[in-house]
Amino acid sequence: MSALQALADKLADDVLAAEAELGDDRFYEKVSQVLLAASPTFQEAYITSIRVRLAERRGRTFLEKALTAKRSGAAMPEAPPDLSGGGH
């Protein structure tokens, strides 16, 4: 892992951890604006780290809901529709 990515990952972890305390679930976007003004390269690495972490959270939440449903006999949760642009 490069020093750039390691720094971006650490900042992403810290920012996402601080969002609850700050009461702002989009605070990471404000940090991104600050970074863009200072270093577009670092901002890109940071926003990638944020997106990966947010995607992992969503995936983990879906997994937990599916396991809970299976164990309790409830209906399985629906996955979101595929919005990748494969159709019209």
Protein backbone atom coordinates (compact mmCIF):
# COMPACT_ATOMS: atom_id res chain seq x y z
CA MET A 1 0.00 0.00 0.00
CA SER A 2 1.33 3.41 -0.92
CA ALA A 3 1.82 6.16 1.62
CA LEU A 4 -0.89 8.14 -0.18
CA GLN A 5 -3.45 5.34 0.16
CA ALA A 6 -2.47 4.65 3.76
CA LEU A 7 -3.04 8.31 4.66
CA ALA A 8 -6.33 8.40 2.76
CA ASP A 9 -7.52 5.22 4.46
CA LYS A 10 -6.67 6.54 7.91
CA LEU A 11 -8.43 9.84 7.26
CA ALA A 12 -11.49 8.02 5.88
CA ASP A 13 -11.66 5.85 9.00
CA ASP A 14 -11.36 8.88 11.28
CA VAL A 15 -13.93 10.95 9.38
CA LEU A 16 -16.53 8.17 9.27
CA ALA A 17 -16.00 7.51 12.98
CA ALA A 18 -16.50 11.22 13.74
CA GLU A 19 -19.74 11.59 11.77
CA ALA A 20 -21.97 10.27 14.58
CA GLU A 21 -20.42 12.63 17.10
CA LEU A 22 -20.78 15.53 14.68
CA GLY A 23 -24.35 14.56 13.81
CA ASP A 24 -23.62 14.91 10.09
CA ASP A 25 -23.71 11.78 7.95
CA ARG A 26 -22.36 13.73 4.95
CA PHE A 27 -19.42 15.31 6.76
CA TYR A 28 -17.08 13.25 4.59
CA GLU A 29 -18.17 15.41 1.62
CA LYS A 30 -17.04 18.58 3.41
CA VAL A 31 -13.66 17.02 4.12
CA SER A 32 -13.50 16.02 0.46
CA GLN A 33 -13.97 19.66 -0.59
CA VAL A 34 -11.12 20.74 1.68
CA LEU A 35 -8.87 18.06 0.20
CA LEU A 36 -9.80 18.90 -3.38
CA ALA A 37 -8.63 22.47 -2.83
CA ALA A 38 -5.32 21.21 -1.44
CA SER A 39 -4.58 18.09 -3.48
CA PRO A 40 -6.87 16.52 -6.09
CA THR A 41 -4.73 13.38 -6.02
CA PHE A 42 -5.21 12.94 -2.28
CA GLN A 43 -8.90 13.82 -2.54
CA GLU A 44 -9.40 11.07 -5.11
CA ALA A 45 -7.70 8.47 -2.90
CA TYR A 46 -9.74 9.65 0.11
CA ILE A 47 -13.11 9.53 -1.66
CA THR A 48 -12.30 6.04 -2.95
CA SER A 49 -11.58 4.97 0.62
CA ILE A 50 -14.87 6.50 1.78
CA ARG A 51 -16.88 4.78 -0.97
CA VAL A 52 -15.32 1.41 -0.22
CA ARG A 53 -16.13 1.74 3.47
CA LEU A 54 -19.70 2.89 2.85
CA ALA A 55 -20.25 0.02 0.41
CA GLU A 56 -18.88 -2.45 2.96
CA ARG A 57 -21.29 -1.06 5.59
CA ARG A 58 -24.24 -1.50 3.25
CA GLY A 59 -23.17 -5.00 2.32
CA ARG A 60 -22.67 -5.98 5.95
CA THR A 61 -26.07 -4.55 6.92
CA PHE A 62 -27.71 -6.58 4.14
CA LEU A 63 -25.88 -9.72 5.27
CA GLU A 64 -26.98 -9.21 8.88
CA LYS A 65 -30.61 -8.66 7.82
CA ALA A 66 -30.53 -11.79 5.66
CA LEU A 67 -29.11 -13.92 8.47
CA THR A 68 -31.61 -12.54 10.97
CA ALA A 69 -34.47 -13.27 8.55
CA LYS A 70 -33.24 -16.81 7.92
CA ARG A 71 -32.83 -17.56 11.62
CA SER A 72 -36.24 -16.16 12.55
CA GLY A 73 -38.15 -17.59 9.59
CA ALA A 74 -38.96 -14.12 8.24
CA ALA A 75 -38.86 -13.13 4.58
CA MET A 76 -35.42 -12.51 3.16
CA PRO A 77 -34.60 -8.85 2.43
CA GLU A 78 -34.71 -7.74 -1.17
CA ALA A 79 -31.48 -6.64 -2.80
CA PRO A 80 -31.65 -3.21 -4.43
CA PRO A 81 -32.25 -3.15 -8.18
CA ASP A 82 -29.25 -3.24 -10.48
CA LEU A 83 -28.64 0.37 -11.48
CA SER A 84 -25.46 -0.29 -13.42
CA GLY A 85 -26.97 1.01 -16.62
CA GLY A 86 -27.42 -2.29 -18.41
CA GLY A 87 -30.84 -1.29 -19.76
CA HIS A 88 -33.06 1.67 -20.44
